[in-house]
Amino acid sequence: MYPAKVIGRVVATRKYKTVEGIKLLLIQPTDWKGNFKGDPIVAADSVGAGAGEFVFYVKAREACFQWLKGDKQ
């Protein structure tokens, strides 16, 4: 898990069917003290985070398990 700060929302006029209904956020990676580092990232929101909030993000494929349907987990 990596720390980041939510700096905005992403509005898409078109999305792949697999991500329809999923809120996308623009997050700014930080160090553990809250200092910005690197470029902003678009992230799928599974917890209802809002602008200005401190969040954690994951870069592994297992991060998408939140949205799998059925018994595929």
N, C-alpha and C. Protein backbone atom coordinates (compact mmCIF):
# COMPACT_ATOMS: atom_id res chain seq x y z
N MET A 1 0.84 -1.18 0.00
CA MET A 1 0.00 0.00 0.00
C MET A 1 0.89 1.24 0.00
N TYR A 2 0.41 2.24 -0.70
CA TYR A 2 1.16 3.48 -0.84
C TYR A 2 0.26 4.66 -0.42
N PRO A 3 0.84 5.69 0.19
CA PRO A 3 0.04 6.85 0.61
C PRO A 3 -0.18 7.83 -0.54
N ALA A 4 -1.32 8.53 -0.50
CA ALA A 4 -1.62 9.55 -1.51
C ALA A 4 -2.68 10.50 -0.97
N LYS A 5 -2.86 11.61 -1.67
CA LYS A 5 -3.91 12.57 -1.32
C LYS A 5 -4.82 12.72 -2.54
N VAL A 6 -6.13 12.72 -2.30
CA VAL A 6 -7.10 12.90 -3.38
C VAL A 6 -7.09 14.37 -3.78
N ILE A 7 -6.82 14.62 -5.08
CA ILE A 7 -6.75 16.00 -5.54
C ILE A 7 -7.86 16.34 -6.54
N GLY A 8 -8.70 15.36 -6.88
CA GLY A 8 -9.80 15.65 -7.78
C GLY A 8 -10.53 14.41 -8.24
N ARG A 9 -11.56 14.63 -9.07
CA ARG A 9 -12.34 13.54 -9.66
C ARG A 9 -12.05 13.49 -11.15
N VAL A 10 -12.21 12.32 -11.72
CA VAL A 10 -12.04 12.15 -13.16
C VAL A 10 -13.43 11.93 -13.76
N VAL A 11 -13.76 12.73 -14.77
CA VAL A 11 -15.04 12.58 -15.46
C VAL A 11 -14.75 12.02 -16.84
N ALA A 12 -15.37 10.88 -17.15
CA ALA A 12 -15.15 10.24 -18.44
C ALA A 12 -16.47 10.19 -19.21
N THR A 13 -16.43 10.62 -20.46
CA THR A 13 -17.64 10.55 -21.28
C THR A 13 -17.86 9.14 -21.80
N ARG A 14 -16.81 8.34 -21.82
CA ARG A 14 -16.90 6.94 -22.23
C ARG A 14 -16.00 6.12 -21.32
N LYS A 15 -16.48 4.93 -20.97
CA LYS A 15 -15.70 4.01 -20.15
C LYS A 15 -15.85 2.61 -20.72
N TYR A 16 -14.88 1.76 -20.46
CA TYR A 16 -15.05 0.34 -20.76
C TYR A 16 -16.21 -0.17 -19.92
N LYS A 17 -16.94 -1.14 -20.42
CA LYS A 17 -18.08 -1.69 -19.68
C LYS A 17 -17.66 -2.22 -18.32
N THR A 18 -16.44 -2.72 -18.21
CA THR A 18 -15.98 -3.29 -16.94
C THR A 18 -15.79 -2.25 -15.84
N VAL A 19 -15.70 -0.98 -16.19
CA VAL A 19 -15.53 0.06 -15.16
C VAL A 19 -16.70 1.03 -15.09
N GLU A 20 -17.79 0.74 -15.80
CA GLU A 20 -18.98 1.59 -15.70
C GLU A 20 -19.51 1.52 -14.27
N GLY A 21 -19.86 2.67 -13.71
CA GLY A 21 -20.39 2.72 -12.35
C GLY A 21 -19.32 2.82 -11.27
N ILE A 22 -18.06 2.79 -11.66
CA ILE A 22 -16.97 2.90 -10.68
C ILE A 22 -16.46 4.35 -10.69
N LYS A 23 -16.40 4.97 -9.52
CA LYS A 23 -15.92 6.35 -9.40
C LYS A 23 -14.41 6.39 -9.57
N LEU A 24 -13.95 7.31 -10.40
CA LEU A 24 -12.52 7.48 -10.63
C LEU A 24 -12.03 8.76 -9.97
N LEU A 25 -10.89 8.67 -9.30
CA LEU A 25 -10.31 9.82 -8.61
C LEU A 25 -8.94 10.12 -9.16
N LEU A 26 -8.54 11.37 -9.03
CA LEU A 26 -7.17 11.77 -9.34
C LEU A 26 -6.45 11.88 -8.00
N ILE A 27 -5.42 11.07 -7.83
CA ILE A 27 -4.68 11.08 -6.56
C ILE A 27 -3.23 11.49 -6.80
N GLN A 28 -2.66 12.14 -5.81
CA GLN A 28 -1.27 12.57 -5.85
C GLN A 28 -0.49 11.72 -4.86
N PRO A 29 0.41 10.85 -5.35
CA PRO A 29 1.23 10.07 -4.42
C PRO A 29 2.02 10.98 -3.49
N THR A 30 2.21 10.51 -2.25
CA THR A 30 2.96 11.27 -1.25
C THR A 30 3.94 10.33 -0.56
N ASP A 31 4.82 10.91 0.25
CA ASP A 31 5.60 10.08 1.15
C ASP A 31 4.78 9.94 2.42
N TRP A 32 5.32 9.24 3.41
CA TRP A 32 4.54 8.98 4.63
C TRP A 32 4.34 10.23 5.48
N LYS A 33 5.05 11.31 5.17
CA LYS A 33 4.86 12.57 5.89
C LYS A 33 3.88 13.49 5.17
N GLY A 34 3.39 13.08 4.01
CA GLY A 34 2.41 13.88 3.27
C GLY A 34 3.00 14.78 2.19
N ASN A 35 4.30 14.70 1.95
CA ASN A 35 4.94 15.50 0.91
C ASN A 35 4.69 14.87 -0.45
N PHE A 36 4.25 15.67 -1.42
CA PHE A 36 3.95 15.15 -2.76
C PHE A 36 5.20 14.59 -3.40
N LYS A 37 5.01 13.49 -4.17
CA LYS A 37 6.11 12.95 -4.95
C LYS A 37 5.55 12.27 -6.19
N GLY A 38 6.23 12.43 -7.29
CA GLY A 38 5.79 11.80 -8.54
C GLY A 38 4.62 12.51 -9.19
N ASP A 39 4.08 11.87 -10.21
CA ASP A 39 2.97 12.41 -10.99
C ASP A 39 1.63 11.91 -10.45
N PRO A 40 0.55 12.67 -10.67
CA PRO A 40 -0.78 12.21 -10.25
C PRO A 40 -1.17 10.92 -10.97
N ILE A 41 -2.07 10.16 -10.34
CA ILE A 41 -2.52 8.87 -10.85
C ILE A 41 -4.05 8.85 -10.84
N VAL A 42 -4.65 8.20 -11.84
CA VAL A 42 -6.09 7.96 -11.84
C VAL A 42 -6.30 6.64 -11.10
N ALA A 43 -7.21 6.65 -10.11
CA ALA A 43 -7.46 5.47 -9.30
C ALA A 43 -8.96 5.20 -9.19
N ALA A 44 -9.32 3.93 -9.15
CA ALA A 44 -10.71 3.54 -8.93
C ALA A 44 -10.99 3.61 -7.43
N ASP A 45 -12.13 4.19 -7.06
CA ASP A 45 -12.48 4.39 -5.65
C ASP A 45 -13.41 3.29 -5.16
N SER A 46 -12.97 2.56 -4.13
CA SER A 46 -13.82 1.49 -3.57
C SER A 46 -14.33 1.83 -2.18
N VAL A 47 -13.95 3.00 -1.64
CA VAL A 47 -14.32 3.33 -0.26
C VAL A 47 -15.07 4.65 -0.11
N GLY A 48 -15.29 5.38 -1.19
CA GLY A 48 -16.02 6.64 -1.11
C GLY A 48 -15.17 7.81 -0.64
N ALA A 49 -13.92 7.85 -1.06
CA ALA A 49 -13.02 8.94 -0.67
C ALA A 49 -13.42 10.24 -1.36
N GLY A 50 -13.04 11.36 -0.75
CA GLY A 50 -13.37 12.67 -1.31
C GLY A 50 -12.14 13.55 -1.43
N ALA A 51 -12.32 14.69 -2.07
CA ALA A 51 -11.23 15.64 -2.30
C ALA A 51 -10.54 16.03 -1.00
N GLY A 52 -9.22 16.04 -1.03
CA GLY A 52 -8.43 16.46 0.13
C GLY A 52 -8.14 15.35 1.12
N GLU A 53 -8.75 14.19 0.96
CA GLU A 53 -8.54 13.11 1.92
C GLU A 53 -7.23 12.38 1.66
N PHE A 54 -6.64 11.89 2.74
CA PHE A 54 -5.45 11.06 2.69
C PHE A 54 -5.91 9.62 2.49
N VAL A 55 -5.38 8.93 1.47
CA VAL A 55 -5.80 7.57 1.15
C VAL A 55 -4.58 6.68 0.94
N PHE A 56 -4.85 5.39 0.83
CA PHE A 56 -3.83 4.42 0.46
C PHE A 56 -4.26 3.82 -0.87
N TYR A 57 -3.29 3.53 -1.74
CA TYR A 57 -3.62 2.89 -3.01
C TYR A 57 -2.73 1.66 -3.19
N VAL A 58 -3.21 0.75 -4.04
CA VAL A 58 -2.50 -0.49 -4.30
C VAL A 58 -2.26 -0.59 -5.80
N LYS A 59 -1.13 -1.16 -6.19
CA LYS A 59 -0.81 -1.28 -7.61
C LYS A 59 -0.84 -2.73 -8.09
N ALA A 60 -1.33 -3.64 -7.29
CA ALA A 60 -1.38 -5.05 -7.67
C ALA A 60 -2.71 -5.39 -8.33
N ARG A 61 -2.75 -6.44 -9.13
CA ARG A 61 -3.98 -6.82 -9.81
C ARG A 61 -5.07 -7.23 -8.84
N GLU A 62 -4.70 -7.66 -7.65
CA GLU A 62 -5.67 -8.05 -6.64
C GLU A 62 -6.54 -6.87 -6.19
N ALA A 63 -6.13 -5.66 -6.49
CA ALA A 63 -6.91 -4.48 -6.12
C ALA A 63 -8.28 -4.48 -6.80
N CYS A 64 -8.41 -5.12 -7.93
CA CYS A 64 -9.69 -5.14 -8.65
C CYS A 64 -10.66 -6.17 -8.09
N PHE A 65 -10.25 -7.04 -7.18
CA PHE A 65 -11.14 -8.07 -6.62
C PHE A 65 -12.38 -7.45 -5.99
N GLN A 66 -12.30 -6.22 -5.55
CA GLN A 66 -13.43 -5.52 -4.95
C GLN A 66 -14.64 -5.52 -5.88
N TRP A 67 -14.40 -5.49 -7.20
CA TRP A 67 -15.48 -5.33 -8.16
C TRP A 67 -15.84 -6.61 -8.91
N LEU A 68 -15.20 -7.72 -8.60
CA LEU A 68 -15.53 -8.97 -9.28
C LEU A 68 -16.93 -9.43 -8.88
N LYS A 69 -17.61 -10.01 -9.83
CA LYS A 69 -18.97 -10.51 -9.56
C LYS A 69 -18.92 -12.02 -9.49
N GLY A 70 -19.80 -12.58 -8.68
CA GLY A 70 -19.91 -14.03 -8.59
C GLY A 70 -18.86 -14.65 -7.69
N ASP A 71 -18.55 -15.90 -7.97
CA ASP A 71 -17.61 -16.67 -7.14
C ASP A 71 -16.21 -16.68 -7.71
N LYS A 72 -15.83 -15.68 -8.47
CA LYS A 72 -14.51 -15.65 -9.08
C LYS A 72 -13.42 -15.26 -8.09
N GLN A 73 -13.79 -14.87 -6.88
CA GLN A 73 -12.81 -14.46 -5.90
C GLN A 73 -12.18 -15.69 -5.33
